[in-house]
N, C-alpha and C. Protein backbone atom coordinates (compact mmCIF):
# COMPACT_ATOMS: atom_id res chain seq x y z
N MET A 1 0.64 -1.06 0.11
CA MET A 1 -0.20 0.06 0.15
C MET A 1 0.79 0.82 -0.38
N THR A 2 0.38 2.14 -0.92
CA THR A 2 1.08 3.59 -1.00
C THR A 2 0.04 4.47 -0.69
N SER A 3 0.61 5.67 0.52
CA SER A 3 -0.83 6.46 0.71
C SER A 3 -0.31 7.53 0.50
N PHE A 4 -0.85 8.66 0.56
CA PHE A 4 -0.67 10.25 -0.10
C PHE A 4 -1.34 11.28 0.58
N ASP A 5 -1.05 12.49 1.52
CA ASP A 5 -1.99 13.02 2.12
C ASP A 5 -2.40 14.11 1.15
N ALA A 6 -3.85 14.35 0.66
CA ALA A 6 -4.56 15.07 0.04
C ALA A 6 -5.48 15.79 0.55
N ARG A 7 -6.06 16.74 -0.13
CA ARG A 7 -7.29 17.57 -0.01
C ARG A 7 -8.01 17.25 -1.29
N LEU A 8 -9.18 17.05 -0.87
CA LEU A 8 -10.47 16.79 -1.90
C LEU A 8 -11.28 17.63 -1.86
N ARG A 9 -11.76 18.08 -3.71
CA ARG A 9 -12.93 19.17 -3.51
C ARG A 9 -13.62 18.59 -4.74
N LEU A 10 -15.17 18.79 -4.54
CA LEU A 10 -16.00 18.26 -5.77
C LEU A 10 -16.01 19.74 -6.47
N VAL A 11 -16.18 18.94 -7.75
CA VAL A 11 -16.06 20.00 -8.93
C VAL A 11 -17.31 20.72 -8.90
N GLY A 12 -17.59 22.29 -9.30
CA GLY A 12 -18.52 22.62 -9.29
C GLY A 12 -19.44 23.00 -8.24
N LYS A 13 -18.68 22.56 -6.38
CA LYS A 13 -19.42 22.96 -5.33
C LYS A 13 -18.43 23.59 -4.25
N PRO A 14 -18.91 24.32 -3.87
CA PRO A 14 -18.13 25.56 -3.08
C PRO A 14 -18.19 24.67 -1.58
N GLY A 15 -17.28 25.18 -0.78
CA GLY A 15 -16.50 24.77 0.31
C GLY A 15 -15.45 24.47 0.62
N LEU A 16 -14.72 24.16 1.81
CA LEU A 16 -13.59 24.10 2.07
C LEU A 16 -13.32 22.55 1.56
N PRO A 17 -11.68 22.29 1.27
CA PRO A 17 -11.41 21.01 0.40
C PRO A 17 -11.27 19.87 1.96
N LEU A 18 -11.87 18.88 1.72
CA LEU A 18 -11.75 17.99 2.57
C LEU A 18 -10.31 17.12 2.99
N GLY A 19 -9.45 17.30 4.12
CA GLY A 19 -8.53 16.44 4.17
C GLY A 19 -8.96 15.12 3.94
N VAL A 20 -8.12 14.45 3.28
CA VAL A 20 -7.92 13.00 3.30
C VAL A 20 -6.80 12.18 3.07
N VAL A 21 -6.77 10.96 2.92
CA VAL A 21 -5.74 10.20 2.99
C VAL A 21 -6.12 8.91 1.73
N VAL A 22 -5.24 9.36 0.59
CA VAL A 22 -5.61 8.54 -0.82
C VAL A 22 -4.45 7.29 -0.35
N ASP A 23 -5.26 5.78 -0.59
CA ASP A 23 -4.05 4.66 -0.53
C ASP A 23 -4.29 4.03 -1.84
N LEU A 24 -3.11 3.52 -2.41
CA LEU A 24 -2.93 2.75 -3.67
C LEU A 24 -2.62 1.35 -3.83
N THR A 25 -3.24 0.51 -3.37
CA THR A 25 -3.12 -0.83 -3.09
C THR A 25 -3.48 -1.54 -4.74
N GLY A 26 -2.44 -2.45 -5.37
CA GLY A 26 -2.41 -3.02 -6.26
C GLY A 26 -2.87 -1.98 -7.37
N LYS A 27 -4.37 -2.31 -7.65
CA LYS A 27 -4.76 -1.42 -8.99
C LYS A 27 -6.21 -1.06 -8.26
N GLN A 28 -6.10 -0.68 -6.81
CA GLN A 28 -7.05 -0.18 -6.27
C GLN A 28 -6.81 1.36 -5.72
N MET A 29 -7.78 2.35 -5.69
CA MET A 29 -7.52 3.55 -5.19
C MET A 29 -8.75 4.00 -3.61
N SER A 30 -8.35 4.19 -2.74
CA SER A 30 -9.01 4.54 -1.43
C SER A 30 -9.11 5.28 -1.06
N VAL A 31 -9.92 6.53 -0.83
CA VAL A 31 -10.32 7.74 0.00
C VAL A 31 -10.60 7.46 1.17
N ILE A 32 -9.55 7.94 2.18
CA ILE A 32 -10.06 7.83 3.61
C ILE A 32 -9.92 9.23 4.28
N VAL A 33 -11.02 9.05 5.25
CA VAL A 33 -11.27 10.34 6.01
C VAL A 33 -11.46 10.08 7.52
N ASP A 34 -10.36 10.39 8.52
CA ASP A 34 -10.46 10.01 9.76
C ASP A 34 -10.58 8.65 10.08
N GLY A 35 -9.85 8.27 9.34
CA GLY A 35 -9.79 6.55 9.15
C GLY A 35 -10.66 5.48 8.88
N GLN A 36 -11.91 6.49 8.37
CA GLN A 36 -12.99 5.52 7.62
C GLN A 36 -13.07 5.37 6.28
N GLN A 37 -12.94 4.68 5.54
CA GLN A 37 -13.16 4.39 3.77
C GLN A 37 -14.44 5.70 3.39
N LEU A 38 -13.98 6.77 2.60
CA LEU A 38 -15.14 7.40 1.86
C LEU A 38 -15.37 6.72 0.69
N ALA A 39 -14.42 6.21 0.08
CA ALA A 39 -14.58 5.67 -1.55
C ALA A 39 -13.45 4.70 -1.50
N SER A 40 -14.15 3.77 -2.62
CA SER A 40 -13.08 3.05 -3.22
C SER A 40 -13.39 2.61 -4.53
N TRP A 41 -12.51 2.61 -5.63
CA TRP A 41 -12.63 2.32 -6.95
C TRP A 41 -11.02 1.81 -7.45
N SER A 42 -12.00 0.79 -8.60
CA SER A 42 -10.98 0.40 -9.56
C SER A 42 -10.14 1.27 -10.25
N LEU A 43 -8.80 1.57 -10.40
CA LEU A 43 -7.98 1.92 -11.35
C LEU A 43 -8.33 2.11 -12.43
N GLU A 44 -9.00 0.94 -13.24
CA GLU A 44 -9.22 0.85 -14.46
C GLU A 44 -10.73 1.39 -14.48
N ASP A 45 -11.54 1.98 -13.56
CA ASP A 45 -13.24 2.31 -13.83
C ASP A 45 -12.63 4.02 -13.72
N ILE A 46 -11.43 4.58 -13.45
CA ILE A 46 -11.50 6.04 -13.25
C ILE A 46 -10.82 6.48 -14.46
N GLU A 47 -10.90 7.73 -14.43
CA GLU A 47 -10.11 9.03 -15.42
C GLU A 47 -9.44 9.72 -14.56
N VAL A 48 -7.71 9.55 -14.84
CA VAL A 48 -7.36 10.34 -13.81
C VAL A 48 -6.42 11.99 -15.24
N ALA A 49 -6.86 13.10 -14.55
CA ALA A 49 -6.02 14.01 -15.57
C ALA A 49 -5.45 14.97 -14.57
N GLN A 50 -3.96 15.29 -14.66
CA GLN A 50 -3.56 16.21 -14.02
C GLN A 50 -3.52 17.27 -14.74
N ASN A 51 -4.26 18.54 -14.09
CA ASN A 51 -4.53 19.63 -14.43
C ASN A 51 -3.55 20.80 -13.08
N PRO A 52 -3.54 22.00 -13.53
CA PRO A 52 -2.85 22.94 -12.66
C PRO A 52 -3.47 23.02 -11.35
N ASP A 53 -4.56 23.22 -11.29
CA ASP A 53 -5.36 22.91 -9.75
C ASP A 53 -5.61 21.46 -9.07
N GLY A 54 -5.02 20.43 -9.66
CA GLY A 54 -5.05 19.15 -9.08
C GLY A 54 -5.24 18.11 -9.85
N PHE A 55 -5.26 16.79 -9.17
CA PHE A 55 -5.79 15.71 -10.00
C PHE A 55 -6.77 15.45 -10.14
N HIS A 56 -7.89 15.40 -11.77
CA HIS A 56 -8.98 15.56 -11.43
C HIS A 56 -9.29 14.21 -11.77
N ILE A 57 -10.27 13.59 -10.82
CA ILE A 57 -10.88 11.99 -10.60
C ILE A 57 -12.16 11.93 -11.59
N GLU A 58 -12.66 11.13 -12.35
CA GLU A 58 -13.86 10.88 -13.07
C GLU A 58 -14.06 9.72 -12.34
N VAL A 59 -15.01 9.16 -12.19
CA VAL A 59 -15.52 8.01 -12.24
C VAL A 59 -17.46 8.27 -11.58
N GLU A 60 -18.11 6.99 -11.83
CA GLU A 60 -19.15 7.09 -11.95
C GLU A 60 -20.04 8.50 -12.30
N GLY A 61 -19.61 8.91 -13.15
CA GLY A 61 -20.01 10.46 -13.77
C GLY A 61 -20.15 11.58 -12.65
N GLU A 62 -19.28 11.31 -12.08
CA GLU A 62 -18.66 11.75 -10.75
C GLU A 62 -17.60 12.36 -10.97
N GLU A 63 -17.03 13.87 -10.46
CA GLU A 63 -15.55 14.35 -10.59
C GLU A 63 -15.38 14.86 -9.13
N VAL A 64 -14.48 14.49 -8.97
CA VAL A 64 -13.42 15.22 -7.64
C VAL A 64 -11.61 15.56 -8.07
N ILE A 65 -11.62 16.58 -7.28
CA ILE A 65 -9.84 17.07 -7.84
C ILE A 65 -9.20 17.03 -5.87
N LEU A 66 -8.11 16.18 -6.24
CA LEU A 66 -7.55 15.83 -5.38
C LEU A 66 -6.11 16.66 -5.39
N ASN A 67 -5.83 17.52 -4.33
CA ASN A 67 -4.58 18.25 -4.24
C ASN A 67 -3.53 17.48 -3.66
N VAL A 68 -2.94 16.53 -4.05
CA VAL A 68 -1.80 15.54 -3.25
C VAL A 68 -0.34 16.52 -2.76
N ASN A 69 -0.19 16.09 -2.02
CA ASN A 69 1.33 16.57 -1.05
C ASN A 69 2.33 16.37 -2.29
N GLU A 70 2.69 15.20 -2.68
CA GLU A 70 3.81 14.74 -3.67
C GLU A 70 3.12 14.30 -4.89
N LYS A 71 2.97 15.38 -5.57
CA LYS A 71 2.57 15.27 -6.95
C LYS A 71 2.79 14.15 -8.05
N VAL A 72 4.93 14.28 -7.79
CA VAL A 72 5.27 13.67 -8.99
C VAL A 72 4.99 11.90 -8.71
N ARG A 73 5.43 11.46 -6.92
CA ARG A 73 5.15 10.23 -6.81
C ARG A 73 3.89 9.59 -6.88
N PHE A 74 2.62 10.56 -6.89
CA PHE A 74 1.51 10.15 -6.80
C PHE A 74 1.19 10.02 -8.46
N ALA A 75 1.70 10.59 -9.37
CA ALA A 75 1.29 10.50 -10.83
C ALA A 75 1.89 9.30 -11.07
N THR A 76 3.14 8.89 -10.62
CA THR A 76 4.27 8.23 -10.98
C THR A 76 3.34 6.23 -10.83
N GLU A 77 2.78 6.67 -9.34
CA GLU A 77 2.20 5.17 -8.62
C GLU A 77 1.33 4.99 -9.53
N VAL A 78 0.08 5.72 -10.05
CA VAL A 78 -1.16 5.96 -10.60
C VAL A 78 -0.65 5.49 -11.74
N ARG A 79 0.25 6.09 -12.60
CA ARG A 79 0.54 5.70 -14.21
C ARG A 79 0.97 3.92 -14.11
N SER A 80 2.01 3.70 -13.21
CA SER A 80 2.57 2.32 -12.85
C SER A 80 1.57 1.27 -12.43
N ARG A 81 0.48 1.73 -11.91
CA ARG A 81 -0.96 0.67 -11.75
C ARG A 81 -2.03 0.35 -12.30
N SER A 82 -2.32 1.78 -13.22
CA SER A 82 -3.14 1.60 -14.24
C SER A 82 -3.03 1.39 -15.76
N ARG A 83 -4.09 1.51 -16.72
CA ARG A 83 -3.49 1.21 -18.22
C ARG A 83 -4.20 2.70 -18.70
N ARG A 84 -4.55 3.24 -17.50
CA ARG A 84 -4.76 4.71 -18.21
C ARG A 84 -3.76 5.77 -17.11
N PRO A 85 -2.65 6.49 -17.93
CA PRO A 85 -1.86 7.29 -16.75
C PRO A 85 -2.19 8.59 -16.89
N PRO A 86 -2.05 9.00 -15.75
CA PRO A 86 -2.73 10.67 -16.10
C PRO A 86 -2.28 11.26 -17.15
N GLN A 87 -3.20 11.97 -17.51
CA GLN A 87 -3.30 13.02 -18.69
C GLN A 87 -2.43 14.17 -18.65
């Protein structure tokens, strides 16, 4: 498991970003808040785009933005685990 501290925002929704931990295990991405799993997706089911404002994650018709503290390492890990590297 590889973990990253991040801030999560919903696209088009005002409000403060939520502090989260993003875990990458195998081909799975999980978002954890206060020790509780908020979401978990197969990397094969999501689209990841690296933009100036963060990593845009599209899944199940929704889009969230992750501001990851270690951008380069996160992009490298996602790329190595997914058939769809960050764009």
